[in-house]
Amino acid sequence: MKRKSVSLKLLSQPQNNFKLSKNIKLDVFTFSLALAHSDLSGYNVCPFAQRINKPNGENLSSCSAVCVGYNGNAQRYPIVMESRIRKTKMYFEDRELFMQWLISDIEKAIDFSLEHEKLPSFRINAYSDIKWENVPVTHNGVKYNNLFEIFPEIVFYDYSKHPNRNTPENYHITYSHWGNMKDTEKAYSSEQNIAVVFEEMPENLMYQGRKIVNGDDTDLRTPENDGRRVIVGLKFKGSKKEALNGISEGFVVQA
């Protein structure tokens, strides 16, 4: 009898994140690492968050205020956010043990996926933007430049606001437009796919000369699933007022 879940210390199960669970229909299990943003953990896991703790207890600042990691289950169940805060602190305060736990989780997740005849994949920046390709790790006495070298045949993918990332072939990055047109133009000039949040999806499914693929259909951001040099279109989820605020800040695009 197949197990319904696998015991993991850091990673979340494929079915625990609504969007990532959509990958299951592609016969893909996606395990994710959910960290807490800096206003909660005290450590900045998103360099572009523009966050500084406000001393007079004002509302969360900038990106943190609308971070999707602050909503959903994390908002309904305090224990979820408490877990994310603990993991974030562990990453910064006990990196060696954190990485060993992460590697162990990945190994378990791979075995679990194969047991269920699914392709294993991983999003280790579910709510963060860490350059994991620059995080060295020692495993079984061997030093690696990053954990991707340990799992060269395994699919990893993430969104990122970093316009220039040099990642291994098995770590696929989709640039996430956030209003900084200079950085977005850099991404346009490269082979990167670009995620854009639209108030309404363009009817002709084209934007800035690039084909739009529906990023809400699944979460699997790989060239095999999306293609190359495409716009990953995401429909804005929120109120009209929130959409207008997003448009004024450049995060939400009007077709």
C-alpha atoms as a PDB file:
ATOM      1  CA  MET A   1       0.000   0.000   0.000  1.00  0.00           C
ATOM      2  CA  LYS A   2       1.382   3.384  -1.029  1.00  0.00           C
ATOM      3  CA  ARG A   3       2.007   5.997   1.634  1.00  0.00           C
ATOM      4  CA  LYS A   4      -0.214   9.089   1.515  1.00  0.00           C
ATOM      5  CA  SER A   5       2.594  11.357   2.666  1.00  0.00           C
ATOM      6  CA  VAL A   6       6.248  11.301   3.629  1.00  0.00           C
ATOM      7  CA  SER A   7       7.747  12.542   6.898  1.00  0.00           C
ATOM      8  CA  LEU A   8       9.760  15.694   6.191  1.00  0.00           C
ATOM      9  CA  LYS A   9      11.449  18.203   8.513  1.00  0.00           C
ATOM     10  CA  LEU A  10      11.686  21.254   6.232  1.00  0.00           C
ATOM     11  CA  LEU A  11       9.823  20.662   2.981  1.00  0.00           C
ATOM     12  CA  SER A  12       6.063  20.858   2.508  1.00  0.00           C
ATOM     13  CA  GLN A  13       4.012  18.093   0.905  1.00  0.00           C
ATOM     14  CA  PRO A  14       2.911  18.500  -2.769  1.00  0.00           C
ATOM     15  CA  GLN A  15      -0.761  18.743  -1.854  1.00  0.00           C
ATOM     16  CA  ASN A  16      -0.283  21.341   0.892  1.00  0.00           C
ATOM     17  CA  ASN A  17       0.105  24.293  -1.485  1.00  0.00           C
ATOM     18  CA  PHE A  18      -2.926  24.874  -3.723  1.00  0.00           C
ATOM     19  CA  LYS A  19      -0.992  26.100  -6.733  1.00  0.00           C
ATOM     20  CA  LEU A  20       1.777  23.519  -6.485  1.00  0.00           C
ATOM     21  CA  SER A  21      -0.815  20.771  -6.136  1.00  0.00           C
ATOM     22  CA  LYS A  22      -1.905  21.570  -9.710  1.00  0.00           C
ATOM     23  CA  ASN A  23       1.322  19.947 -10.898  1.00  0.00           C
ATOM     24  CA  ILE A  24       0.008  16.554  -9.803  1.00  0.00           C
ATOM     25  CA  LYS A  25      -2.198  16.414 -12.909  1.00  0.00           C
ATOM     26  CA  LEU A  26       1.085  16.493 -14.883  1.00  0.00           C
ATOM     27  CA  ASP A  27       2.265  13.460 -12.871  1.00  0.00           C
ATOM     28  CA  VAL A  28       4.674  15.744 -11.014  1.00  0.00           C
ATOM     29  CA  PHE A  29       5.076  16.028  -7.251  1.00  0.00           C
ATOM     30  CA  THR A  30       6.447  19.435  -6.210  1.00  0.00           C
ATOM     31  CA  PHE A  31       7.834  19.779  -2.705  1.00  0.00           C
ATOM     32  CA  SER A  32       8.403  23.303  -1.432  1.00  0.00           C
ATOM     33  CA  LEU A  33      10.447  25.118   1.181  1.00  0.00           C
ATOM     34  CA  ALA A  34       8.389  27.853   2.844  1.00  0.00           C
ATOM     35  CA  LEU A  35      10.330  30.469   4.810  1.00  0.00           C
ATOM     36  CA  ALA A  36       9.017  33.537   6.643  1.00  0.00           C
ATOM     37  CA  HIS A  37       9.535  37.074   5.405  1.00  0.00           C
ATOM     38  CA  SER A  38      11.771  39.472   7.304  1.00  0.00           C
ATOM     39  CA  ASP A  39       9.112  41.423   9.192  1.00  0.00           C
ATOM     40  CA  LEU A  40       8.321  38.191  11.025  1.00  0.00           C
ATOM     41  CA  SER A  41      11.621  36.316  11.218  1.00  0.00           C
ATOM     42  CA  GLY A  42      14.087  39.188  11.532  1.00  0.00           C
ATOM     43  CA  TYR A  43      16.065  37.806   8.576  1.00  0.00           C
ATOM     44  CA  ASN A  44      15.612  39.100   5.045  1.00  0.00           C
ATOM     45  CA  VAL A  45      15.123  36.200   2.632  1.00  0.00           C
ATOM     46  CA  CYS A  46      14.062  38.503  -0.234  1.00  0.00           C
ATOM     47  CA  PRO A  47      16.692  41.128  -1.158  1.00  0.00           C
ATOM     48  CA  PHE A  48      14.126  43.077  -3.196  1.00  0.00           C
ATOM     49  CA  ALA A  49      11.526  43.206  -0.428  1.00  0.00           C
ATOM     50  CA  GLN A  50      12.482  46.815   0.436  1.00  0.00           C
ATOM     51  CA  ARG A  51      11.795  45.973   4.040  1.00  0.00           C
ATOM     52  CA  ILE A  52      12.947  47.818   7.137  1.00  0.00           C
ATOM     53  CA  ASN A  53      11.260  47.082  10.445  1.00  0.00           C
ATOM     54  CA  LYS A  54       9.299  50.136  11.537  1.00  0.00           C
ATOM     55  CA  PRO A  55      10.102  51.115  15.131  1.00  0.00           C
ATOM     56  CA  ASN A  56       6.680  52.564  15.922  1.00  0.00           C
ATOM     57  CA  GLY A  57       4.737  49.402  15.113  1.00  0.00           C
ATOM     58  CA  GLU A  58       3.249  50.564  11.843  1.00  0.00           C
ATOM     59  CA  ASN A  59       1.786  48.122   9.323  1.00  0.00           C
ATOM     60  CA  LEU A  60       4.026  45.700   7.440  1.00  0.00           C
ATOM     61  CA  SER A  61       6.103  47.476   4.852  1.00  0.00           C
ATOM     62  CA  SER A  62       6.129  47.237   1.070  1.00  0.00           C
ATOM     63  CA  CYS A  63       6.471  43.682  -0.310  1.00  0.00           C
ATOM     64  CA  SER A  64       5.934  42.057   3.080  1.00  0.00           C
ATOM     65  CA  ALA A  65       2.470  43.535   3.345  1.00  0.00           C
ATOM     66  CA  VAL A  66       1.261  41.657   0.268  1.00  0.00           C
ATOM     67  CA  CYS A  67       3.541  38.620   0.484  1.00  0.00           C
ATOM     68  CA  VAL A  68       1.520  35.542  -0.425  1.00  0.00           C
ATOM     69  CA  GLY A  69       3.429  33.706   2.281  1.00  0.00           C
ATOM     70  CA  TYR A  70       1.601  35.833   4.833  1.00  0.00           C
ATOM     71  CA  ASN A  71      -1.809  34.686   3.623  1.00  0.00           C
ATOM     72  CA  GLY A  72      -3.599  31.351   3.198  1.00  0.00           C
ATOM     73  CA  ASN A  73      -2.888  28.626   5.756  1.00  0.00           C
ATOM     74  CA  ALA A  74      -0.224  30.757   7.415  1.00  0.00           C
ATOM     75  CA  GLN A  75      -2.851  33.353   8.272  1.00  0.00           C
ATOM     76  CA  ARG A  76      -5.491  30.847   9.366  1.00  0.00           C
ATOM     77  CA  TYR A  77      -3.211  28.585  11.370  1.00  0.00           C
ATOM     78  CA  PRO A  78      -0.557  30.356  13.491  1.00  0.00           C
ATOM     79  CA  ILE A  79       1.388  27.099  13.873  1.00  0.00           C
ATOM     80  CA  VAL A  80       2.170  27.203  10.127  1.00  0.00           C
ATOM     81  CA  MET A  81       3.828  30.614  10.337  1.00  0.00           C
ATOM     82  CA  GLU A  82       5.598  29.651  13.552  1.00  0.00           C
ATOM     83  CA  SER A  83       7.115  26.709  11.696  1.00  0.00           C
ATOM     84  CA  ARG A  84       8.273  28.957   8.851  1.00  0.00           C
ATOM     85  CA  ILE A  85       9.871  31.378  11.300  1.00  0.00           C
ATOM     86  CA  ARG A  86      11.748  28.524  13.012  1.00  0.00           C
ATOM     87  CA  LYS A  87      13.022  27.226   9.667  1.00  0.00           C
ATOM     88  CA  THR A  88      14.133  30.696   8.591  1.00  0.00           C
ATOM     89  CA  LYS A  89      16.057  31.277  11.807  1.00  0.00           C
ATOM     90  CA  MET A  90      17.648  27.852  11.503  1.00  0.00           C
ATOM     91  CA  TYR A  91      18.838  28.634   7.961  1.00  0.00           C
ATOM     92  CA  PHE A  92      20.686  31.719   9.177  1.00  0.00           C
ATOM     93  CA  GLU A  93      21.775  30.496  12.606  1.00  0.00           C
ATOM     94  CA  ASP A  94      22.657  26.825  11.950  1.00  0.00           C
ATOM     95  CA  ARG A  95      23.253  26.613   8.195  1.00  0.00           C
ATOM     96  CA  GLU A  96      25.138  23.298   8.279  1.00  0.00           C
ATOM     97  CA  LEU A  97      22.371  21.390  10.053  1.00  0.00           C
ATOM     98  CA  PHE A  98      19.713  23.105   7.951  1.00  0.00           C
ATOM     99  CA  MET A  99      21.346  21.996   4.711  1.00  0.00           C
ATOM    100  CA  GLN A 100      21.731  18.428   5.942  1.00  0.00           C
ATOM    101  CA  TRP A 101      18.049  18.319   6.858  1.00  0.00           C
ATOM    102  CA  LEU A 102      17.157  19.781   3.472  1.00  0.00           C
ATOM    103  CA  ILE A 103      19.223  17.207   1.594  1.00  0.00           C
ATOM    104  CA  SER A 104      17.664  14.417   3.651  1.00  0.00           C
ATOM    105  CA  ASP A 105      14.173  15.751   2.873  1.00  0.00           C
ATOM    106  CA  ILE A 106      14.963  15.891  -0.843  1.00  0.00           C
ATOM    107  CA  GLU A 107      16.185  12.283  -0.810  1.00  0.00           C
ATOM    108  CA  LYS A 108      13.012  11.153   0.969  1.00  0.00           C
ATOM    109  CA  ALA A 109      10.817  13.175  -1.391  1.00  0.00           C
ATOM    110  CA  ILE A 110      12.481  11.627  -4.445  1.00  0.00           C
ATOM    111  CA  ASP A 111      11.885   8.104  -3.139  1.00  0.00           C
ATOM    112  CA  PHE A 112       8.269   8.960  -2.280  1.00  0.00           C
ATOM    113  CA  SER A 113       7.648  10.414  -5.757  1.00  0.00           C
ATOM    114  CA  LEU A 114       9.091   7.402  -7.546  1.00  0.00           C
ATOM    115  CA  GLU A 115       7.035   5.128  -5.321  1.00  0.00           C
ATOM    116  CA  HIS A 116       3.942   6.929  -6.648  1.00  0.00           C
ATOM    117  CA  GLU A 117       5.280   6.969 -10.223  1.00  0.00           C
ATOM    118  CA  LYS A 118       5.555  10.766 -10.209  1.00  0.00           C
ATOM    119  CA  LEU A 119       8.364  13.048 -11.332  1.00  0.00           C
ATOM    120  CA  PRO A 120       9.921  14.724  -8.257  1.00  0.00           C
ATOM    121  CA  SER A 121      10.461  18.479  -8.390  1.00  0.00           C
ATOM    122  CA  PHE A 122      11.288  21.168  -5.865  1.00  0.00           C
ATOM    123  CA  ARG A 123      10.569  24.856  -5.217  1.00  0.00           C
ATOM    124  CA  ILE A 124      12.949  25.900  -2.482  1.00  0.00           C
ATOM    125  CA  ASN A 125      11.980  29.566  -2.703  1.00  0.00           C
ATOM    126  CA  ALA A 126       8.243  29.233  -2.187  1.00  0.00           C
ATOM    127  CA  TYR A 127       8.095  32.627  -0.419  1.00  0.00           C
ATOM    128  CA  SER A 128      11.730  33.702  -0.551  1.00  0.00           C
ATOM    129  CA  ASP A 129      14.349  34.717  -3.114  1.00  0.00           C
ATOM    130  CA  ILE A 130      17.594  33.172  -1.899  1.00  0.00           C
ATOM    131  CA  LYS A 131      20.339  32.544  -4.466  1.00  0.00           C
ATOM    132  CA  TRP A 132      20.669  28.851  -3.656  1.00  0.00           C
ATOM    133  CA  GLU A 133      23.187  28.387  -6.455  1.00  0.00           C
ATOM    134  CA  ASN A 134      25.632  30.372  -4.267  1.00  0.00           C
ATOM    135  CA  VAL A 135      25.054  28.373  -1.074  1.00  0.00           C
ATOM    136  CA  PRO A 136      27.859  25.793  -0.645  1.00  0.00           C
ATOM    137  CA  VAL A 137      27.217  22.567   1.192  1.00  0.00           C
ATOM    138  CA  THR A 138      29.203  19.609   2.483  1.00  0.00           C
ATOM    139  CA  HIS A 139      27.529  16.225   2.201  1.00  0.00           C
ATOM    140  CA  ASN A 140      29.035  12.869   3.166  1.00  0.00           C
ATOM    141  CA  GLY A 141      32.410  14.552   3.501  1.00  0.00           C
ATOM    142  CA  VAL A 142      32.311  16.014  -0.018  1.00  0.00           C
ATOM    143  CA  LYS A 143      32.172  19.784  -0.637  1.00  0.00           C
ATOM    144  CA  TYR A 144      29.721  20.978  -3.276  1.00  0.00           C
ATOM    145  CA  ASN A 145      29.170  24.454  -4.690  1.00  0.00           C
ATOM    146  CA  ASN A 146      25.440  24.013  -4.111  1.00  0.00           C
ATOM    147  CA  LEU A 147      22.883  21.302  -3.453  1.00  0.00           C
ATOM    148  CA  PHE A 148      21.977  21.070  -7.160  1.00  0.00           C
ATOM    149  CA  GLU A 149      25.317  19.361  -7.776  1.00  0.00           C
ATOM    150  CA  ILE A 150      24.191  16.605  -5.420  1.00  0.00           C
ATOM    151  CA  PHE A 151      20.994  16.035  -7.446  1.00  0.00           C
ATOM    152  CA  PRO A 152      21.977  16.788 -11.075  1.00  0.00           C
ATOM    153  CA  GLU A 153      19.076  14.787 -12.559  1.00  0.00           C
ATOM    154  CA  ILE A 154      16.369  16.352 -10.381  1.00  0.00           C
ATOM    155  CA  VAL A 155      14.180  19.294 -11.402  1.00  0.00           C
ATOM    156  CA  PHE A 156      14.307  22.465  -9.315  1.00  0.00           C
ATOM    157  CA  TYR A 157      12.537  25.703 -10.239  1.00  0.00           C
ATOM    158  CA  ASP A 158      11.643  29.069  -8.750  1.00  0.00           C
ATOM    159  CA  TYR A 159      10.474  32.590  -9.456  1.00  0.00           C
ATOM    160  CA  SER A 160      12.989  35.362  -8.774  1.00  0.00           C
ATOM    161  CA  LYS A 161      13.230  39.151  -8.847  1.00  0.00           C
ATOM    162  CA  HIS A 162      16.980  38.921  -9.467  1.00  0.00           C
ATOM    163  CA  PRO A 163      17.435  39.924 -13.146  1.00  0.00           C
ATOM    164  CA  ASN A 164      20.758  38.122 -13.553  1.00  0.00           C
ATOM    165  CA  ARG A 165      21.148  34.655 -12.111  1.00  0.00           C
ATOM    166  CA  ASN A 166      23.636  32.067 -13.283  1.00  0.00           C
ATOM    167  CA  THR A 167      22.038  28.796 -12.240  1.00  0.00           C
ATOM    168  CA  PRO A 168      22.799  25.121 -12.950  1.00  0.00           C
ATOM    169  CA  GLU A 169      20.908  23.455 -15.803  1.00  0.00           C
ATOM    170  CA  ASN A 170      18.563  21.642 -13.429  1.00  0.00           C
ATOM    171  CA  TYR A 171      17.544  24.846 -11.592  1.00  0.00           C
ATOM    172  CA  HIS A 172      15.061  26.799 -13.718  1.00  0.00           C
ATOM    173  CA  ILE A 173      14.394  30.446 -12.866  1.00  0.00           C
ATOM    174  CA  THR A 174      11.464  32.524 -14.121  1.00  0.00           C
ATOM    175  CA  TYR A 175      12.080  36.247 -13.700  1.00  0.00           C
ATOM    176  CA  SER A 176       9.219  37.875 -11.807  1.00  0.00           C
ATOM    177  CA  HIS A 177       8.277  41.368 -13.017  1.00  0.00           C
ATOM    178  CA  TRP A 178       7.740  43.638 -10.018  1.00  0.00           C
ATOM    179  CA  GLY A 179       7.667  47.134 -11.481  1.00  0.00           C
ATOM    180  CA  ASN A 180      11.367  47.776 -12.074  1.00  0.00           C
ATOM    181  CA  MET A 181      11.339  48.153 -15.865  1.00  0.00           C
ATOM    182  CA  LYS A 182      15.128  48.391 -16.114  1.00  0.00           C
ATOM    183  CA  ASP A 183      15.524  44.910 -14.673  1.00  0.00           C
ATOM    184  CA  THR A 184      12.576  43.575 -16.678  1.00  0.00           C
ATOM    185  CA  GLU A 185      14.181  44.877 -19.880  1.00  0.00           C
ATOM    186  CA  LYS A 186      17.348  42.975 -18.965  1.00  0.00           C
ATOM    187  CA  ALA A 187      15.260  39.833 -18.667  1.00  0.00           C
ATOM    188  CA  TYR A 188      13.574  40.573 -22.013  1.00  0.00           C
ATOM    189  CA  SER A 189      16.966  40.738 -23.714  1.00  0.00           C
ATOM    190  CA  SER A 190      17.878  37.314 -22.334  1.00  0.00           C
ATOM    191  CA  GLU A 191      16.437  33.849 -22.844  1.00  0.00           C
ATOM    192  CA  GLN A 192      14.590  34.036 -19.534  1.00  0.00           C
ATOM    193  CA  ASN A 193      10.893  33.458 -19.186  1.00  0.00           C
ATOM    194  CA  ILE A 194       9.168  36.348 -17.426  1.00  0.00           C
ATOM    195  CA  ALA A 195       6.230  36.132 -15.054  1.00  0.00           C
ATOM    196  CA  VAL A 196       3.820  39.061 -15.339  1.00  0.00           C
ATOM    197  CA  VAL A 197       0.734  39.684 -13.205  1.00  0.00           C
ATOM    198  CA  PHE A 198      -2.069  41.065 -15.391  1.00  0.00           C
ATOM    199  CA  GLU A 199      -5.198  42.835 -14.234  1.00  0.00           C
ATOM    200  CA  GLU A 200      -6.875  40.995 -17.116  1.00  0.00           C
ATOM    201  CA  MET A 201      -5.138  38.534 -19.407  1.00  0.00           C
ATOM    202  CA  PRO A 202      -4.548  39.957 -22.941  1.00  0.00           C
ATOM    203  CA  GLU A 203      -7.035  38.436 -25.373  1.00  0.00           C
ATOM    204  CA  ASN A 204      -4.429  37.755 -28.059  1.00  0.00           C
ATOM    205  CA  LEU A 205      -2.142  36.035 -25.509  1.00  0.00           C
ATOM    206  CA  MET A 206       0.797  38.204 -26.580  1.00  0.00           C
ATOM    207  CA  TYR A 207       2.730  40.822 -24.605  1.00  0.00           C
ATOM    208  CA  GLN A 208       5.784  42.827 -25.672  1.00  0.00           C
ATOM    209  CA  GLY A 209       6.194  40.515 -28.647  1.00  0.00           C
ATOM    210  CA  ARG A 210       6.246  37.376 -26.572  1.00  0.00           C
ATOM    211  CA  LYS A 211       3.744  34.546 -26.360  1.00  0.00           C
ATOM    212  CA  ILE A 212       1.791  34.301 -23.099  1.00  0.00           C
ATOM    213  CA  VAL A 213       1.346  30.956 -21.389  1.00  0.00           C
ATOM    214  CA  ASN A 214      -1.169  30.530 -18.577  1.00  0.00           C
ATOM    215  CA  GLY A 215       0.835  30.458 -15.358  1.00  0.00           C
ATOM    216  CA  ASP A 216      -2.269  29.740 -13.297  1.00  0.00           C
ATOM    217  CA  ASP A 217      -2.949  26.412 -15.014  1.00  0.00           C
ATOM    218  CA  THR A 218      -0.019  24.732 -13.262  1.00  0.00           C
ATOM    219  CA  ASP A 219       2.975  25.925 -11.276  1.00  0.00           C
ATOM    220  CA  LEU A 220       5.619  23.920 -13.125  1.00  0.00           C
ATOM    221  CA  ARG A 221       7.954  26.637 -14.428  1.00  0.00           C
ATOM    222  CA  THR A 222      10.299  24.647 -16.645  1.00  0.00           C
ATOM    223  CA  PRO A 223      11.167  25.051 -20.341  1.00  0.00           C
ATOM    224  CA  GLU A 224       9.636  21.634 -20.977  1.00  0.00           C
ATOM    225  CA  ASN A 225       6.288  22.832 -19.625  1.00  0.00           C
ATOM    226  CA  ASP A 226       6.234  26.526 -20.611  1.00  0.00           C
ATOM    227  CA  GLY A 227       8.626  26.777 -23.547  1.00  0.00           C
ATOM    228  CA  ARG A 228      11.379  29.389 -23.794  1.00  0.00           C
ATOM    229  CA  ARG A 229      11.282  33.198 -24.011  1.00  0.00           C
ATOM    230  CA  VAL A 230       7.618  33.316 -23.035  1.00  0.00           C
ATOM    231  CA  ILE A 231       5.551  35.471 -20.713  1.00  0.00           C
ATOM    232  CA  VAL A 232       4.096  33.478 -17.835  1.00  0.00           C
ATOM    233  CA  GLY A 233       0.773  35.257 -17.401  1.00  0.00           C
ATOM    234  CA  LEU A 234      -0.741  35.336 -13.924  1.00  0.00           C
ATOM    235  CA  LYS A 235      -4.198  36.755 -13.276  1.00  0.00           C
ATOM    236  CA  PHE A 236      -4.286  39.247 -10.401  1.00  0.00           C
ATOM    237  CA  LYS A 237      -6.203  37.866  -7.438  1.00  0.00           C
ATOM    238  CA  GLY A 238      -7.609  40.567  -5.222  1.00  0.00           C
ATOM    239  CA  SER A 239     -10.007  43.472  -5.025  1.00  0.00           C
ATOM    240  CA  LYS A 240     -10.322  46.255  -7.583  1.00  0.00           C
ATOM    241  CA  LYS A 241      -8.716  48.639  -5.097  1.00  0.00           C
ATOM    242  CA  GLU A 242      -5.781  46.290  -4.603  1.00  0.00           C
ATOM    243  CA  ALA A 243      -5.428  45.940  -8.373  1.00  0.00           C
ATOM    244  CA  LEU A 244      -5.294  49.720  -8.795  1.00  0.00           C
ATOM    245  CA  ASN A 245      -2.629  49.942  -6.096  1.00  0.00           C
ATOM    246  CA  GLY A 246      -0.661  47.232  -7.872  1.00  0.00           C
ATOM    247  CA  ILE A 247      -0.957  49.073 -11.186  1.00  0.00           C
ATOM    248  CA  SER A 248       0.272  52.334  -9.646  1.00  0.00           C
ATOM    249  CA  GLU A 249       3.282  50.524  -8.162  1.00  0.00           C
ATOM    250  CA  GLY A 250       4.023  48.766 -11.474  1.00  0.00           C
ATOM    251  CA  PHE A 251       3.573  45.274 -10.068  1.00  0.00           C
ATOM    252  CA  VAL A 252       0.249  44.701 -11.886  1.00  0.00           C
ATOM    253  CA  VAL A 253       0.115  45.266 -15.649  1.00  0.00           C
ATOM    254  CA  GLN A 254      -2.912  46.486 -17.597  1.00  0.00           C
ATOM    255  CA  ALA A 255      -3.285  44.619 -20.882  1.00  0.00           C
END
